[in-house]
Amino acid sequence: VVGCGVVLNGLFVIKNQENNESDRRNNCHPNHELEHKVLLLLTFLKHANLISTEPFTEMSADILCNAVEDWKMKKIIPLLLTFVFLLGSVEDSWCDDSYQKGLHAYQRSDFGTALREWRNLAEQGNADAQLNLGAMYGRGEGISQSNKIAAMWYELAAKQGNTIAQTELGILYAKGEGVPRDYVYAYMWWYIAAANGGQGYNDQIVKEMTPEQIREAKERTKRCIASNYKNCRATAKVTAEYYDIGEKAYMVGLYKVSYKWWRKAAGEGDTQAQANLSDMYRLGRGVSQNNIAAYVWANMAVRNGHKQSAKLRDDIAKKM
């Protein structure tokens, strides 16, 4: 479980635990640790006006080192090798500082600062910050209330094992708030949350489900946990069908219908569908125009491997 949440004025915040230091460390750079630290060092060097890091932004750690060679910057290689394994404590400190700045801002009702600090962390994969953003969007604190965006952030945190996000995501799907009502998906997340030591599922919803739905939910739960939260929805074939229906609807101008099906495909990890949703929010087709939602979907697509969405994301960011 990544982090531990308690309720404070309706917002989920982090409570200190014995393992919270390692949790935050994992949240700050959950994957590609070497790459992340090299990028951090290059960013530092850029701000020190020693180099330009622009060509490095989409490169892996190995390619970065080759790029250094190609750029005839051999003098900084020892610096890279020296600092790349020492930057962890600096980055962890920055992560904690940003989180605490957001927390203190929230406690004094400075929601704009809290959103800014936590969004930076959330976009880097910090599950606790993602959880908090989900709560703030759900309550409309410092931002227009949106259960759709709340569900996006909850799902990102839930797929990192955050039990509170798993429970809250289940509630949204059970009620159909901001997302299509889906008892199977709701039950699955509640079941997972309970298995991880969090709040269990609501017995009332079980009474409204058929035996077949319960069996499906339990099968999805096993698949979701076994895949480390990467395969929590339908099969690839079903996802492709969702995408195709959305594409056909879009081509004839049925944007709301297209949104519905692309939203299903995007929720199951289809990166092109995520990119398409970003464009729909950017243009206001089938949904209310919303640059924040457009940015979130584009960023999600990029993080999931859809590199083509990077320009779309960056263009949207300039308008925010």
C-alpha atoms as a PDB file:
ATOM      1  CA  VAL A   1       0.000   0.000   0.000  1.00  0.00           C
ATOM      2  CA  VAL A   2       1.357   3.395  -0.995  1.00  0.00           C
ATOM      3  CA  GLY A   3       0.790   5.843   1.810  1.00  0.00           C
ATOM      4  CA  CYS A   4      -1.895   5.971   4.482  1.00  0.00           C
ATOM      5  CA  GLY A   5      -4.782   8.438   4.436  1.00  0.00           C
ATOM      6  CA  VAL A   6      -6.876  10.075   7.117  1.00  0.00           C
ATOM      7  CA  VAL A   7      -9.793  12.451   6.655  1.00  0.00           C
ATOM      8  CA  LEU A   8      -9.107  16.117   7.381  1.00  0.00           C
ATOM      9  CA  ASN A   9     -11.903  18.554   6.533  1.00  0.00           C
ATOM     10  CA  GLY A  10     -13.032  16.173   3.821  1.00  0.00           C
ATOM     11  CA  LEU A  11      -9.583  15.847   2.221  1.00  0.00           C
ATOM     12  CA  PHE A  12      -7.433  12.753   2.414  1.00  0.00           C
ATOM     13  CA  VAL A  13      -3.963  13.565   3.693  1.00  0.00           C
ATOM     14  CA  ILE A  14      -0.994  11.529   4.726  1.00  0.00           C
ATOM     15  CA  LYS A  15      -0.539  10.248   8.222  1.00  0.00           C
ATOM     16  CA  ASN A  16       2.999   9.459   9.310  1.00  0.00           C
ATOM     17  CA  GLN A  17       3.834   5.779   9.391  1.00  0.00           C
ATOM     18  CA  GLU A  18       7.012   3.849   9.952  1.00  0.00           C
ATOM     19  CA  ASN A  19       7.242   3.171   6.227  1.00  0.00           C
ATOM     20  CA  ASN A  20       6.100   6.518   4.893  1.00  0.00           C
ATOM     21  CA  GLU A  21       9.650   7.536   4.006  1.00  0.00           C
ATOM     22  CA  SER A  22      10.083   4.602   1.659  1.00  0.00           C
ATOM     23  CA  ASP A  23       6.547   5.087   0.316  1.00  0.00           C
ATOM     24  CA  ARG A  24       7.260   8.664  -0.658  1.00  0.00           C
ATOM     25  CA  ARG A  25      10.552   7.619  -2.182  1.00  0.00           C
ATOM     26  CA  ASN A  26       8.748   5.090  -4.353  1.00  0.00           C
ATOM     27  CA  ASN A  27       6.144   7.674  -5.282  1.00  0.00           C
ATOM     28  CA  CYS A  28       8.719  10.236  -6.361  1.00  0.00           C
ATOM     29  CA  HIS A  29      10.424   7.898  -8.791  1.00  0.00           C
ATOM     30  CA  PRO A  30       8.477   4.642  -9.018  1.00  0.00           C
ATOM     31  CA  ASN A  31      10.079   3.554 -12.294  1.00  0.00           C
ATOM     32  CA  HIS A  32      13.317   4.138 -14.198  1.00  0.00           C
ATOM     33  CA  GLU A  33      15.102   5.425 -11.098  1.00  0.00           C
ATOM     34  CA  LEU A  34      18.433   5.927 -12.849  1.00  0.00           C
ATOM     35  CA  GLU A  35      16.778   7.784 -15.732  1.00  0.00           C
ATOM     36  CA  HIS A  36      14.857  10.005 -13.348  1.00  0.00           C
ATOM     37  CA  LYS A  37      17.949  10.954 -11.380  1.00  0.00           C
ATOM     38  CA  VAL A  38      19.955  11.692 -14.507  1.00  0.00           C
ATOM     39  CA  LEU A  39      17.138  13.936 -15.719  1.00  0.00           C
ATOM     40  CA  LEU A  40      17.069  15.680 -12.352  1.00  0.00           C
ATOM     41  CA  LEU A  41      20.799  16.314 -12.516  1.00  0.00           C
ATOM     42  CA  LEU A  42      20.543  17.620 -16.068  1.00  0.00           C
ATOM     43  CA  THR A  43      17.752  19.938 -14.963  1.00  0.00           C
ATOM     44  CA  PHE A  44      20.015  21.232 -12.191  1.00  0.00           C
ATOM     45  CA  LEU A  45      22.844  21.773 -14.659  1.00  0.00           C
ATOM     46  CA  LYS A  46      20.486  23.599 -16.996  1.00  0.00           C
ATOM     47  CA  HIS A  47      19.355  25.959 -14.249  1.00  0.00           C
ATOM     48  CA  ALA A  48      23.017  26.526 -13.419  1.00  0.00           C
ATOM     49  CA  ASN A  49      23.418  27.589 -17.071  1.00  0.00           C
ATOM     50  CA  LEU A  50      25.973  24.838 -17.652  1.00  0.00           C
ATOM     51  CA  ILE A  51      24.106  22.950 -20.371  1.00  0.00           C
ATOM     52  CA  SER A  52      20.841  22.872 -22.284  1.00  0.00           C
ATOM     53  CA  THR A  53      18.765  19.807 -21.421  1.00  0.00           C
ATOM     54  CA  GLU A  54      16.231  20.274 -24.209  1.00  0.00           C
ATOM     55  CA  PRO A  55      17.453  17.345 -26.360  1.00  0.00           C
ATOM     56  CA  PHE A  56      17.341  14.943 -23.408  1.00  0.00           C
ATOM     57  CA  THR A  57      13.737  15.159 -22.300  1.00  0.00           C
ATOM     58  CA  GLU A  58      12.478  11.964 -23.948  1.00  0.00           C
ATOM     59  CA  MET A  59      15.611   9.831 -23.634  1.00  0.00           C
ATOM     60  CA  SER A  60      16.420   6.874 -21.421  1.00  0.00           C
ATOM     61  CA  ALA A  61      19.362   6.932 -19.019  1.00  0.00           C
ATOM     62  CA  ASP A  62      21.624   4.951 -21.349  1.00  0.00           C
ATOM     63  CA  ILE A  63      20.768   7.190 -24.302  1.00  0.00           C
ATOM     64  CA  LEU A  64      21.353  10.234 -22.119  1.00  0.00           C
ATOM     65  CA  CYS A  65      24.902   9.071 -21.390  1.00  0.00           C
ATOM     66  CA  ASN A  66      25.479   8.469 -25.110  1.00  0.00           C
ATOM     67  CA  ALA A  67      24.054  11.894 -25.836  1.00  0.00           C
ATOM     68  CA  VAL A  68      26.523  13.404 -23.416  1.00  0.00           C
ATOM     69  CA  GLU A  69      29.302  11.703 -25.369  1.00  0.00           C
ATOM     70  CA  ASP A  70      27.917  12.865 -28.700  1.00  0.00           C
ATOM     71  CA  TRP A  71      27.498  16.407 -27.460  1.00  0.00           C
ATOM     72  CA  LYS A  72      31.199  16.508 -26.563  1.00  0.00           C
ATOM     73  CA  MET A  73      30.423  17.085 -22.910  1.00  0.00           C
ATOM     74  CA  LYS A  74      32.781  14.455 -21.528  1.00  0.00           C
ATOM     75  CA  LYS A  75      33.724  16.792 -18.710  1.00  0.00           C
ATOM     76  CA  ILE A  76      30.350  16.355 -17.041  1.00  0.00           C
ATOM     77  CA  ILE A  77      30.391  12.541 -17.188  1.00  0.00           C
ATOM     78  CA  PRO A  78      32.286  12.250 -13.874  1.00  0.00           C
ATOM     79  CA  LEU A  79      29.749  14.663 -12.426  1.00  0.00           C
ATOM     80  CA  LEU A  80      26.913  12.478 -13.667  1.00  0.00           C
ATOM     81  CA  LEU A  81      28.478   9.342 -12.268  1.00  0.00           C
ATOM     82  CA  THR A  82      29.207  11.023  -8.967  1.00  0.00           C
ATOM     83  CA  PHE A  83      25.819  12.599  -8.420  1.00  0.00           C
ATOM     84  CA  VAL A  84      23.374  10.254 -10.099  1.00  0.00           C
ATOM     85  CA  PHE A  85      23.333   7.922  -7.092  1.00  0.00           C
ATOM     86  CA  LEU A  86      23.471  10.749  -4.563  1.00  0.00           C
ATOM     87  CA  LEU A  87      20.466  12.688  -5.782  1.00  0.00           C
ATOM     88  CA  GLY A  88      17.949  10.416  -4.107  1.00  0.00           C
ATOM     89  CA  SER A  89      18.093  12.259  -0.796  1.00  0.00           C
ATOM     90  CA  VAL A  90      17.798  15.628  -2.552  1.00  0.00           C
ATOM     91  CA  GLU A  91      14.806  14.488  -4.585  1.00  0.00           C
ATOM     92  CA  ASP A  92      13.144  12.844  -1.590  1.00  0.00           C
ATOM     93  CA  SER A  93      13.556  16.071   0.350  1.00  0.00           C
ATOM     94  CA  TRP A  94      12.014  18.018  -2.534  1.00  0.00           C
ATOM     95  CA  CYS A  95       9.116  15.552  -2.676  1.00  0.00           C
ATOM     96  CA  ASP A  96       8.444  15.888   1.056  1.00  0.00           C
ATOM     97  CA  ASP A  97       8.770  19.669   0.917  1.00  0.00           C
ATOM     98  CA  SER A  98       6.313  19.943  -1.967  1.00  0.00           C
ATOM     99  CA  TYR A  99       3.836  17.673  -0.245  1.00  0.00           C
ATOM    100  CA  GLN A 100       4.090  19.588   3.029  1.00  0.00           C
ATOM    101  CA  LYS A 101       3.729  22.924   1.236  1.00  0.00           C
ATOM    102  CA  GLY A 102       0.531  21.621  -0.300  1.00  0.00           C
ATOM    103  CA  LEU A 103      -0.714  20.314   3.021  1.00  0.00           C
ATOM    104  CA  HIS A 104      -0.021  23.555   4.887  1.00  0.00           C
ATOM    105  CA  ALA A 105      -1.651  25.550   2.091  1.00  0.00           C
ATOM    106  CA  TYR A 106      -4.729  23.351   2.227  1.00  0.00           C
ATOM    107  CA  GLN A 107      -4.994  23.695   6.007  1.00  0.00           C
ATOM    108  CA  ARG A 108      -5.146  27.476   5.659  1.00  0.00           C
ATOM    109  CA  SER A 109      -7.662  27.153   2.778  1.00  0.00           C
ATOM    110  CA  ASP A 110      -5.139  28.268   0.167  1.00  0.00           C
ATOM    111  CA  PHE A 111      -6.494  25.718  -2.283  1.00  0.00           C
ATOM    112  CA  GLY A 112      -4.757  27.209  -5.316  1.00  0.00           C
ATOM    113  CA  THR A 113      -1.313  26.608  -3.828  1.00  0.00           C
ATOM    114  CA  ALA A 114      -2.308  23.147  -2.598  1.00  0.00           C
ATOM    115  CA  LEU A 115      -3.491  22.203  -6.075  1.00  0.00           C
ATOM    116  CA  ARG A 116      -0.316  23.492  -7.687  1.00  0.00           C
ATOM    117  CA  GLU A 117       2.040  21.709  -5.285  1.00  0.00           C
ATOM    118  CA  TRP A 118       0.139  18.416  -5.311  1.00  0.00           C
ATOM    119  CA  ARG A 119      -0.468  18.457  -9.063  1.00  0.00           C
ATOM    120  CA  ASN A 120       3.280  18.601  -9.683  1.00  0.00           C
ATOM    121  CA  LEU A 121       3.772  15.550  -7.483  1.00  0.00           C
ATOM    122  CA  ALA A 122       0.703  13.762  -8.829  1.00  0.00           C
ATOM    123  CA  GLU A 123       1.910  14.089 -12.405  1.00  0.00           C
ATOM    124  CA  GLN A 124       5.144  12.397 -11.372  1.00  0.00           C
ATOM    125  CA  GLY A 125       3.225   9.454  -9.948  1.00  0.00           C
ATOM    126  CA  ASN A 126       2.842  10.343  -6.270  1.00  0.00           C
ATOM    127  CA  ALA A 127      -0.203   8.324  -5.194  1.00  0.00           C
ATOM    128  CA  ASP A 128      -0.893  10.413  -2.091  1.00  0.00           C
ATOM    129  CA  ALA A 129      -0.985  13.625  -4.121  1.00  0.00           C
ATOM    130  CA  GLN A 130      -3.207  11.932  -6.707  1.00  0.00           C
ATOM    131  CA  LEU A 131      -5.573  10.901  -3.931  1.00  0.00           C
ATOM    132  CA  ASN A 132      -5.729  14.432  -2.567  1.00  0.00           C
ATOM    133  CA  LEU A 133      -6.412  15.924  -5.998  1.00  0.00           C
ATOM    134  CA  GLY A 134      -9.219  13.421  -6.460  1.00  0.00           C
ATOM    135  CA  ALA A 135     -10.757  14.567  -3.192  1.00  0.00           C
ATOM    136  CA  MET A 136     -10.386  18.263  -4.036  1.00  0.00           C
ATOM    137  CA  TYR A 137     -11.972  17.846  -7.468  1.00  0.00           C
ATOM    138  CA  GLY A 138     -14.735  15.779  -5.925  1.00  0.00           C
ATOM    139  CA  ARG A 139     -15.481  18.551  -3.440  1.00  0.00           C
ATOM    140  CA  GLY A 140     -14.799  21.471  -5.769  1.00  0.00           C
ATOM    141  CA  GLU A 141     -12.193  23.007  -3.488  1.00  0.00           C
ATOM    142  CA  GLY A 142     -10.260  25.703  -5.331  1.00  0.00           C
ATOM    143  CA  ILE A 143     -11.396  24.281  -8.650  1.00  0.00           C
ATOM    144  CA  SER A 144     -14.631  23.581 -10.500  1.00  0.00           C
ATOM    145  CA  GLN A 145     -16.210  20.466  -9.038  1.00  0.00           C
ATOM    146  CA  SER A 146     -15.758  17.486 -11.344  1.00  0.00           C
ATOM    147  CA  ASN A 147     -16.335  13.860 -10.451  1.00  0.00           C
ATOM    148  CA  LYS A 148     -14.934  12.925 -13.858  1.00  0.00           C
ATOM    149  CA  ILE A 149     -11.539  14.393 -13.057  1.00  0.00           C
ATOM    150  CA  ALA A 150     -11.775  13.103  -9.481  1.00  0.00           C
ATOM    151  CA  ALA A 151     -12.236   9.593 -10.878  1.00  0.00           C
ATOM    152  CA  MET A 152      -9.148  10.008 -13.090  1.00  0.00           C
ATOM    153  CA  TRP A 153      -6.940  10.888 -10.119  1.00  0.00           C
ATOM    154  CA  TYR A 154      -8.490   8.237  -7.878  1.00  0.00           C
ATOM    155  CA  GLU A 155      -7.857   5.571 -10.496  1.00  0.00           C
ATOM    156  CA  LEU A 156      -4.213   6.544 -10.872  1.00  0.00           C
ATOM    157  CA  ALA A 157      -3.738   6.308  -7.101  1.00  0.00           C
ATOM    158  CA  ALA A 158      -5.813   3.128  -6.846  1.00  0.00           C
ATOM    159  CA  LYS A 159      -3.593   1.402  -9.385  1.00  0.00           C
ATOM    160  CA  GLN A 160      -0.633   2.137  -7.132  1.00  0.00           C
ATOM    161  CA  GLY A 161      -2.309   0.310  -4.265  1.00  0.00           C
ATOM    162  CA  ASN A 162      -3.789   3.252  -2.349  1.00  0.00           C
ATOM    163  CA  THR A 163      -6.715   1.687  -0.479  1.00  0.00           C
ATOM    164  CA  ILE A 164      -8.601   4.935   0.118  1.00  0.00           C
ATOM    165  CA  ALA A 165      -8.482   5.760  -3.584  1.00  0.00           C
ATOM    166  CA  GLN A 166      -9.647   2.215  -4.337  1.00  0.00           C
ATOM    167  CA  THR A 167     -12.634   2.659  -2.022  1.00  0.00           C
ATOM    168  CA  GLU A 168     -13.507   6.128  -3.342  1.00  0.00           C
ATOM    169  CA  LEU A 169     -13.238   4.962  -6.943  1.00  0.00           C
ATOM    170  CA  GLY A 170     -15.610   2.124  -6.132  1.00  0.00           C
ATOM    171  CA  ILE A 171     -18.099   4.592  -4.674  1.00  0.00           C
ATOM    172  CA  LEU A 172     -18.072   6.724  -7.826  1.00  0.00           C
ATOM    173  CA  TYR A 173     -18.700   3.697 -10.042  1.00  0.00           C
ATOM    174  CA  ALA A 174     -21.397   2.355  -7.726  1.00  0.00           C
ATOM    175  CA  LYS A 175     -23.240   5.680  -7.837  1.00  0.00           C
ATOM    176  CA  GLY A 176     -22.450   6.490 -11.458  1.00  0.00           C
ATOM    177  CA  GLU A 177     -21.060   9.886 -10.500  1.00  0.00           C
ATOM    178  CA  GLY A 178     -18.678  11.230 -13.134  1.00  0.00           C
ATOM    179  CA  VAL A 179     -18.329   7.761 -14.618  1.00  0.00           C
ATOM    180  CA  PRO A 180     -20.774   5.201 -16.015  1.00  0.00           C
ATOM    181  CA  ARG A 181     -22.435   3.166 -13.274  1.00  0.00           C
ATOM    182  CA  ASP A 182     -20.637  -0.160 -13.120  1.00  0.00           C
ATOM    183  CA  TYR A 183     -21.362  -2.433 -10.164  1.00  0.00           C
ATOM    184  CA  VAL A 184     -18.786  -4.992 -11.298  1.00  0.00           C
ATOM    185  CA  TYR A 185     -15.975  -2.433 -11.398  1.00  0.00           C
ATOM    186  CA  ALA A 186     -17.119  -0.905  -8.113  1.00  0.00           C
ATOM    187  CA  TYR A 187     -17.235  -4.280  -6.401  1.00  0.00           C
ATOM    188  CA  MET A 188     -13.782  -5.147  -7.768  1.00  0.00           C
ATOM    189  CA  TRP A 189     -12.141  -2.044  -6.296  1.00  0.00           C
ATOM    190  CA  TRP A 190     -13.872  -2.489  -2.944  1.00  0.00           C
ATOM    191  CA  TYR A 191     -12.803  -6.123  -2.858  1.00  0.00           C
ATOM    192  CA  ILE A 192      -9.215  -5.109  -3.638  1.00  0.00           C
ATOM    193  CA  ALA A 193      -9.292  -2.377  -0.996  1.00  0.00           C
ATOM    194  CA  ALA A 194     -10.508  -4.864   1.603  1.00  0.00           C
ATOM    195  CA  ALA A 195      -7.810  -7.356   0.585  1.00  0.00           C
ATOM    196  CA  ASN A 196      -5.217  -4.612   1.082  1.00  0.00           C
ATOM    197  CA  GLY A 197      -6.515  -3.818   4.554  1.00  0.00           C
ATOM    198  CA  GLY A 198      -8.755  -0.920   3.614  1.00  0.00           C
ATOM    199  CA  GLN A 199     -12.486  -0.383   3.825  1.00  0.00           C
ATOM    200  CA  GLY A 200     -14.468  -3.267   2.359  1.00  0.00           C
ATOM    201  CA  TYR A 201     -17.322  -3.257  -0.093  1.00  0.00           C
ATOM    202  CA  ASN A 202     -20.872  -2.221   0.695  1.00  0.00           C
ATOM    203  CA  ASP A 203     -23.196  -5.161   1.341  1.00  0.00           C
ATOM    204  CA  GLN A 204     -26.088  -3.187  -0.154  1.00  0.00           C
ATOM    205  CA  ILE A 205     -24.594  -3.161  -3.634  1.00  0.00           C
ATOM    206  CA  VAL A 206     -24.023  -6.917  -3.467  1.00  0.00           C
ATOM    207  CA  LYS A 207     -27.765  -7.381  -3.029  1.00  0.00           C
ATOM    208  CA  GLU A 208     -28.323  -5.525  -6.308  1.00  0.00           C
ATOM    209  CA  MET A 209     -25.811  -7.620  -8.249  1.00  0.00           C
ATOM    210  CA  THR A 210     -26.507 -10.899 -10.012  1.00  0.00           C
ATOM    211  CA  PRO A 211     -24.421 -13.993  -9.192  1.00  0.00           C
ATOM    212  CA  GLU A 212     -22.843 -13.671 -12.636  1.00  0.00           C
ATOM    213  CA  GLN A 213     -21.772 -10.082 -11.931  1.00  0.00           C
ATOM    214  CA  ILE A 214     -20.227 -11.104  -8.613  1.00  0.00           C
ATOM    215  CA  ARG A 215     -18.313 -13.941 -10.278  1.00  0.00           C
ATOM    216  CA  GLU A 216     -17.062 -11.546 -12.956  1.00  0.00           C
ATOM    217  CA  ALA A 217     -15.994  -9.018 -10.323  1.00  0.00           C
ATOM    218  CA  LYS A 218     -14.016 -11.655  -8.438  1.00  0.00           C
ATOM    219  CA  GLU A 219     -12.336 -12.839 -11.646  1.00  0.00           C
ATOM    220  CA  ARG A 220     -11.408  -9.261 -12.523  1.00  0.00           C
ATOM    221  CA  THR A 221     -10.039  -8.802  -9.014  1.00  0.00           C
ATOM    222  CA  LYS A 222      -7.688 -11.755  -9.405  1.00  0.00           C
ATOM    223  CA  ARG A 223      -6.584 -10.563 -12.843  1.00  0.00           C
ATOM    224  CA  CYS A 224      -6.106  -7.003 -11.623  1.00  0.00           C
ATOM    225  CA  ILE A 225      -3.947  -7.977  -8.637  1.00  0.00           C
ATOM    226  CA  ALA A 226      -1.950 -10.552 -10.620  1.00  0.00           C
ATOM    227  CA  SER A 227      -1.113  -7.932 -13.267  1.00  0.00           C
ATOM    228  CA  ASN A 228      -0.126  -5.357 -10.635  1.00  0.00           C
ATOM    229  CA  TYR A 229      -3.184  -3.242 -11.542  1.00  0.00           C
ATOM    230  CA  LYS A 230      -2.387  -3.167 -15.265  1.00  0.00           C
ATOM    231  CA  ASN A 231      -5.254  -5.427 -16.367  1.00  0.00           C
ATOM    232  CA  CYS A 232      -8.241  -4.457 -14.275  1.00  0.00           C
ATOM    233  CA  ARG A 233     -10.927  -4.070 -16.887  1.00  0.00           C
ATOM    234  CA  ALA A 234     -12.055  -6.026 -19.904  1.00  0.00           C
ATOM    235  CA  THR A 235      -9.932  -8.020 -22.349  1.00  0.00           C
ATOM    236  CA  ALA A 236      -7.946  -6.405 -25.163  1.00  0.00           C
ATOM    237  CA  LYS A 237     -10.555  -7.578 -27.656  1.00  0.00           C
ATOM    238  CA  VAL A 238     -13.363  -5.850 -25.782  1.00  0.00           C
ATOM    239  CA  THR A 239     -11.237  -2.690 -25.418  1.00  0.00           C
ATOM    240  CA  ALA A 240     -10.670  -2.642 -29.172  1.00  0.00           C
ATOM    241  CA  GLU A 241     -14.398  -2.970 -29.728  1.00  0.00           C
ATOM    242  CA  TYR A 242     -15.025  -0.012 -27.426  1.00  0.00           C
ATOM    243  CA  TYR A 243     -12.522   2.051 -29.396  1.00  0.00           C
ATOM    244  CA  ASP A 244     -13.988   1.097 -32.765  1.00  0.00           C
ATOM    245  CA  ILE A 245     -17.516   2.044 -31.696  1.00  0.00           C
ATOM    246  CA  GLY A 246     -16.221   5.402 -30.478  1.00  0.00           C
ATOM    247  CA  GLU A 247     -14.357   6.034 -33.716  1.00  0.00           C
ATOM    248  CA  LYS A 248     -17.383   5.254 -35.864  1.00  0.00           C
ATOM    249  CA  ALA A 249     -19.559   7.563 -33.795  1.00  0.00           C
ATOM    250  CA  TYR A 250     -16.984  10.361 -34.003  1.00  0.00           C
ATOM    251  CA  MET A 251     -16.760  10.140 -37.785  1.00  0.00           C
ATOM    252  CA  VAL A 252     -20.481  10.894 -38.136  1.00  0.00           C
ATOM    253  CA  GLY A 253     -20.475  13.685 -35.557  1.00  0.00           C
ATOM    254  CA  LEU A 254     -22.000  11.740 -32.654  1.00  0.00           C
ATOM    255  CA  TYR A 255     -19.505  13.178 -30.223  1.00  0.00           C
ATOM    256  CA  LYS A 256     -21.303  12.338 -26.998  1.00  0.00           C
ATOM    257  CA  VAL A 257     -21.643   8.719 -28.065  1.00  0.00           C
ATOM    258  CA  SER A 258     -18.008   8.721 -29.138  1.00  0.00           C
ATOM    259  CA  TYR A 259     -16.960  10.112 -25.763  1.00  0.00           C
ATOM    260  CA  LYS A 260     -18.846   7.381 -23.933  1.00  0.00           C
ATOM    261  CA  TRP A 261     -17.070   4.557 -25.748  1.00  0.00           C
ATOM    262  CA  TRP A 262     -13.641   6.153 -25.887  1.00  0.00           C
ATOM    263  CA  ARG A 263     -13.960   6.803 -22.147  1.00  0.00           C
ATOM    264  CA  LYS A 264     -14.484   3.079 -21.632  1.00  0.00           C
ATOM    265  CA  ALA A 265     -11.487   2.221 -23.821  1.00  0.00           C
ATOM    266  CA  ALA A 266      -9.319   4.870 -22.140  1.00  0.00           C
ATOM    267  CA  GLY A 267     -10.229   3.561 -18.704  1.00  0.00           C
ATOM    268  CA  GLU A 268      -8.929   0.178 -19.784  1.00  0.00           C
ATOM    269  CA  GLY A 269      -5.581   1.574 -20.861  1.00  0.00           C
ATOM    270  CA  ASP A 270      -6.056   2.372 -24.557  1.00  0.00           C
ATOM    271  CA  THR A 271      -3.577   5.209 -25.054  1.00  0.00           C
ATOM    272  CA  GLN A 272      -5.054   6.408 -28.356  1.00  0.00           C
ATOM    273  CA  ALA A 273      -8.452   6.687 -26.695  1.00  0.00           C
ATOM    274  CA  GLN A 274      -6.831   8.698 -23.879  1.00  0.00           C
ATOM    275  CA  ALA A 275      -5.290  11.031 -26.463  1.00  0.00           C
ATOM    276  CA  ASN A 276      -8.636  11.348 -28.232  1.00  0.00           C
ATOM    277  CA  LEU A 277     -10.386  12.303 -24.998  1.00  0.00           C
ATOM    278  CA  SER A 278      -7.774  14.988 -24.455  1.00  0.00           C
ATOM    279  CA  ASP A 279      -8.559  16.432 -27.865  1.00  0.00           C
ATOM    280  CA  MET A 280     -12.305  16.288 -27.200  1.00  0.00           C
ATOM    281  CA  TYR A 281     -11.897  18.256 -23.979  1.00  0.00           C
ATOM    282  CA  ARG A 282      -9.556  20.700 -25.732  1.00  0.00           C
ATOM    283  CA  LEU A 283     -12.094  21.342 -28.492  1.00  0.00           C
ATOM    284  CA  GLY A 284     -15.242  20.955 -26.397  1.00  0.00           C
ATOM    285  CA  ARG A 285     -16.650  18.218 -28.608  1.00  0.00           C
ATOM    286  CA  GLY A 286     -19.189  16.051 -26.830  1.00  0.00           C
ATOM    287  CA  VAL A 287     -18.075  17.519 -23.510  1.00  0.00           C
ATOM    288  CA  SER A 288     -17.686  20.961 -21.997  1.00  0.00           C
ATOM    289  CA  GLN A 289     -14.400  22.562 -23.033  1.00  0.00           C
ATOM    290  CA  ASN A 290     -11.926  21.960 -20.195  1.00  0.00           C
ATOM    291  CA  ASN A 291      -8.179  22.485 -20.576  1.00  0.00           C
ATOM    292  CA  ILE A 292      -7.440  20.834 -17.247  1.00  0.00           C
ATOM    293  CA  ALA A 293      -9.196  17.611 -18.229  1.00  0.00           C
ATOM    294  CA  ALA A 294      -7.555  17.845 -21.670  1.00  0.00           C
ATOM    295  CA  TYR A 295      -4.139  18.120 -20.036  1.00  0.00           C
ATOM    296  CA  VAL A 296      -4.787  15.229 -17.636  1.00  0.00           C
ATOM    297  CA  TRP A 297      -5.793  12.859 -20.441  1.00  0.00           C
ATOM    298  CA  ALA A 298      -2.910  13.906 -22.703  1.00  0.00           C
ATOM    299  CA  ASN A 299      -0.434  13.504 -19.862  1.00  0.00           C
ATOM    300  CA  MET A 300      -1.874  10.097 -19.034  1.00  0.00           C
ATOM    301  CA  ALA A 301      -1.486   9.012 -22.660  1.00  0.00           C
ATOM    302  CA  VAL A 302       2.144  10.152 -22.688  1.00  0.00           C
ATOM    303  CA  ARG A 303       2.915   8.394 -19.404  1.00  0.00           C
ATOM    304  CA  ASN A 304       1.385   5.219 -20.805  1.00  0.00           C
ATOM    305  CA  GLY A 305       3.627   5.305 -23.858  1.00  0.00           C
ATOM    306  CA  HIS A 306       1.755   7.455 -26.412  1.00  0.00           C
ATOM    307  CA  LYS A 307       4.662   9.760 -27.214  1.00  0.00           C
ATOM    308  CA  GLN A 308       2.749  11.573 -29.957  1.00  0.00           C
ATOM    309  CA  SER A 309       0.576  13.196 -27.292  1.00  0.00           C
ATOM    310  CA  ALA A 310       3.502  15.090 -25.765  1.00  0.00           C
ATOM    311  CA  LYS A 311       3.076  18.066 -28.119  1.00  0.00           C
ATOM    312  CA  LEU A 312      -0.687  18.133 -27.488  1.00  0.00           C
ATOM    313  CA  ARG A 313      -0.074  18.093 -23.728  1.00  0.00           C
ATOM    314  CA  ASP A 314       2.529  20.866 -23.933  1.00  0.00           C
ATOM    315  CA  ASP A 315       0.326  23.026 -26.155  1.00  0.00           C
ATOM    316  CA  ILE A 316      -2.551  22.681 -23.690  1.00  0.00           C
ATOM    317  CA  ALA A 317      -0.256  23.533 -20.777  1.00  0.00           C
ATOM    318  CA  LYS A 318       0.556  26.886 -22.405  1.00  0.00           C
ATOM    319  CA  LYS A 319      -3.149  27.789 -22.297  1.00  0.00           C
ATOM    320  CA  MET A 320      -3.656  26.916 -18.628  1.00  0.00           C
END
